[in-house]
Amino acid sequence: MVEKDIIYVRANNAGSTAGIIACVLAVFGIFTLSVVFVPLAIIFAIFGTLAAILQMNGSGIGVNLLAWILVIAGIVTSPALIAFILMIGGLIHLTP
């Protein structure tokens, strides 16, 4: 009788789930309350990008790149977030 070798293949989807969640949150931020959803999308995109890069997952990196593009679009379309960024920039500039 011939024994068959069992080979286990682990799917490498590191960072993909966090990237998809970041994309969904960023789209919610673009079309609804961006002050809430865009910062959450940034947090998920950071974790997803780090996980995808550390595990060298190409699809995870691609999804997180899309998430970062959507996050930037969410920031650009939000007057409150632009004002917050300008306020922080002014405070940094004024401090000696």
C-alpha atoms as a PDB file:
ATOM      1  CA  MET A   1       0.000   0.000   0.000  1.00  0.00           C
ATOM      2  CA  VAL A   2       1.270   3.436  -0.919  1.00  0.00           C
ATOM      3  CA  GLU A   3       0.985   6.150   1.676  1.00  0.00           C
ATOM      4  CA  LYS A   4       0.001   9.544   0.406  1.00  0.00           C
ATOM      5  CA  ASP A   5       1.741  12.592   1.724  1.00  0.00           C
ATOM      6  CA  ILE A   6      -0.515  15.252   3.103  1.00  0.00           C
ATOM      7  CA  ILE A   7       0.509  18.767   2.230  1.00  0.00           C
ATOM      8  CA  TYR A   8      -1.050  21.634   4.099  1.00  0.00           C
ATOM      9  CA  VAL A   9      -1.173  24.946   2.309  1.00  0.00           C
ATOM     10  CA  ARG A  10      -1.987  27.987   4.357  1.00  0.00           C
ATOM     11  CA  ALA A  11      -3.729  30.813   2.567  1.00  0.00           C
ATOM     12  CA  ASN A  12      -1.833  34.047   3.004  1.00  0.00           C
ATOM     13  CA  ASN A  13      -4.504  36.705   3.301  1.00  0.00           C
ATOM     14  CA  ALA A  14      -2.740  38.833   5.881  1.00  0.00           C
ATOM     15  CA  GLY A  15      -3.995  42.388   5.852  1.00  0.00           C
ATOM     16  CA  SER A  16      -6.784  41.769   3.352  1.00  0.00           C
ATOM     17  CA  THR A  17      -9.595  41.755   5.893  1.00  0.00           C
ATOM     18  CA  ALA A  18      -8.387  44.930   7.590  1.00  0.00           C
ATOM     19  CA  GLY A  19      -7.956  46.530   4.162  1.00  0.00           C
ATOM     20  CA  ILE A  20     -11.503  45.668   3.118  1.00  0.00           C
ATOM     21  CA  ILE A  21     -12.863  47.040   6.400  1.00  0.00           C
ATOM     22  CA  ALA A  22     -10.795  50.208   5.876  1.00  0.00           C
ATOM     23  CA  CYS A  23     -12.192  50.583   2.350  1.00  0.00           C
ATOM     24  CA  VAL A  24     -15.769  50.239   3.581  1.00  0.00           C
ATOM     25  CA  LEU A  25     -15.199  52.734   6.413  1.00  0.00           C
ATOM     26  CA  ALA A  26     -13.531  55.196   4.042  1.00  0.00           C
ATOM     27  CA  VAL A  27     -16.437  55.006   1.601  1.00  0.00           C
ATOM     28  CA  PHE A  28     -18.838  55.571   4.516  1.00  0.00           C
ATOM     29  CA  GLY A  29     -16.651  58.535   5.458  1.00  0.00           C
ATOM     30  CA  ILE A  30     -16.841  60.001   1.974  1.00  0.00           C
ATOM     31  CA  PHE A  31     -20.629  59.811   1.774  1.00  0.00           C
ATOM     32  CA  THR A  32     -21.679  60.259   5.414  1.00  0.00           C
ATOM     33  CA  LEU A  33     -20.133  61.415   8.698  1.00  0.00           C
ATOM     34  CA  SER A  34     -16.449  61.636   7.789  1.00  0.00           C
ATOM     35  CA  VAL A  35     -15.291  62.817  11.215  1.00  0.00           C
ATOM     36  CA  VAL A  36     -16.175  59.375  12.606  1.00  0.00           C
ATOM     37  CA  PHE A  37     -15.495  56.972   9.757  1.00  0.00           C
ATOM     38  CA  VAL A  38     -12.285  58.320   8.199  1.00  0.00           C
ATOM     39  CA  PRO A  39     -10.189  58.079  11.410  1.00  0.00           C
ATOM     40  CA  LEU A  40     -11.459  54.527  11.913  1.00  0.00           C
ATOM     41  CA  ALA A  41     -10.497  53.749   8.320  1.00  0.00           C
ATOM     42  CA  ILE A  42      -7.020  55.159   8.983  1.00  0.00           C
ATOM     43  CA  ILE A  43      -6.573  52.861  11.996  1.00  0.00           C
ATOM     44  CA  PHE A  44      -7.665  49.781  10.045  1.00  0.00           C
ATOM     45  CA  ALA A  45      -5.521  50.787   7.055  1.00  0.00           C
ATOM     46  CA  ILE A  46      -2.429  51.125   9.257  1.00  0.00           C
ATOM     47  CA  PHE A  47      -2.870  47.642  10.726  1.00  0.00           C
ATOM     48  CA  GLY A  48      -3.770  46.127   7.377  1.00  0.00           C
ATOM     49  CA  THR A  49      -0.828  47.706   5.576  1.00  0.00           C
ATOM     50  CA  LEU A  50       1.638  46.582   8.232  1.00  0.00           C
ATOM     51  CA  ALA A  51       0.263  43.036   8.251  1.00  0.00           C
ATOM     52  CA  ALA A  52       0.294  42.796   4.453  1.00  0.00           C
ATOM     53  CA  ILE A  53       3.837  44.137   4.148  1.00  0.00           C
ATOM     54  CA  LEU A  54       5.214  41.928   6.923  1.00  0.00           C
ATOM     55  CA  GLN A  55       3.629  38.806   5.397  1.00  0.00           C
ATOM     56  CA  MET A  56       4.476  39.918   1.821  1.00  0.00           C
ATOM     57  CA  ASN A  57       0.889  39.532   0.642  1.00  0.00           C
ATOM     58  CA  GLY A  58       0.423  41.222  -2.714  1.00  0.00           C
ATOM     59  CA  SER A  59      -3.371  41.275  -2.680  1.00  0.00           C
ATOM     60  CA  GLY A  60      -3.387  42.645   0.879  1.00  0.00           C
ATOM     61  CA  ILE A  61      -1.031  45.431  -0.130  1.00  0.00           C
ATOM     62  CA  GLY A  62      -3.264  46.245  -3.111  1.00  0.00           C
ATOM     63  CA  VAL A  63      -6.436  46.381  -1.022  1.00  0.00           C
ATOM     64  CA  ASN A  64      -4.720  48.581   1.558  1.00  0.00           C
ATOM     65  CA  LEU A  65      -3.406  50.876  -1.174  1.00  0.00           C
ATOM     66  CA  LEU A  66      -7.004  51.305  -2.341  1.00  0.00           C
ATOM     67  CA  ALA A  67      -7.992  51.979   1.271  1.00  0.00           C
ATOM     68  CA  TRP A  68      -5.360  54.725   1.568  1.00  0.00           C
ATOM     69  CA  ILE A  69      -6.601  56.334  -1.658  1.00  0.00           C
ATOM     70  CA  LEU A  70     -10.162  56.285  -0.303  1.00  0.00           C
ATOM     71  CA  VAL A  71      -8.969  57.681   3.049  1.00  0.00           C
ATOM     72  CA  ILE A  72      -7.280  60.579   1.256  1.00  0.00           C
ATOM     73  CA  ALA A  73     -10.489  61.175  -0.723  1.00  0.00           C
ATOM     74  CA  GLY A  74     -12.424  61.135   2.553  1.00  0.00           C
ATOM     75  CA  ILE A  75     -10.101  63.717   4.077  1.00  0.00           C
ATOM     76  CA  VAL A  76     -10.244  65.952   1.005  1.00  0.00           C
ATOM     77  CA  THR A  77     -14.047  65.887   0.918  1.00  0.00           C
ATOM     78  CA  SER A  78     -14.424  66.702   4.628  1.00  0.00           C
ATOM     79  CA  PRO A  79     -14.267  70.360   5.662  1.00  0.00           C
ATOM     80  CA  ALA A  80     -14.045  69.400   9.358  1.00  0.00           C
ATOM     81  CA  LEU A  81     -11.008  67.165   8.842  1.00  0.00           C
ATOM     82  CA  ILE A  82      -9.269  69.742   6.656  1.00  0.00           C
ATOM     83  CA  ALA A  83      -9.839  72.379   9.363  1.00  0.00           C
ATOM     84  CA  PHE A  84      -8.456  69.996  12.000  1.00  0.00           C
ATOM     85  CA  ILE A  85      -5.321  69.314   9.952  1.00  0.00           C
ATOM     86  CA  LEU A  86      -4.778  73.031   9.346  1.00  0.00           C
ATOM     87  CA  MET A  87      -5.299  73.740  13.059  1.00  0.00           C
ATOM     88  CA  ILE A  88      -2.678  71.144  14.047  1.00  0.00           C
ATOM     89  CA  GLY A  89      -0.309  72.522  11.411  1.00  0.00           C
ATOM     90  CA  GLY A  90      -0.781  76.051  12.778  1.00  0.00           C
ATOM     91  CA  LEU A  91      -0.111  74.901  16.330  1.00  0.00           C
ATOM     92  CA  ILE A  92       3.066  73.123  15.277  1.00  0.00           C
ATOM     93  CA  HIS A  93       4.192  76.199  13.354  1.00  0.00           C
ATOM     94  CA  LEU A  94       3.542  78.551  16.300  1.00  0.00           C
ATOM     95  CA  THR A  95       5.374  76.511  18.929  1.00  0.00           C
ATOM     96  CA  PRO A  96       9.001  77.600  19.442  1.00  0.00           C
END
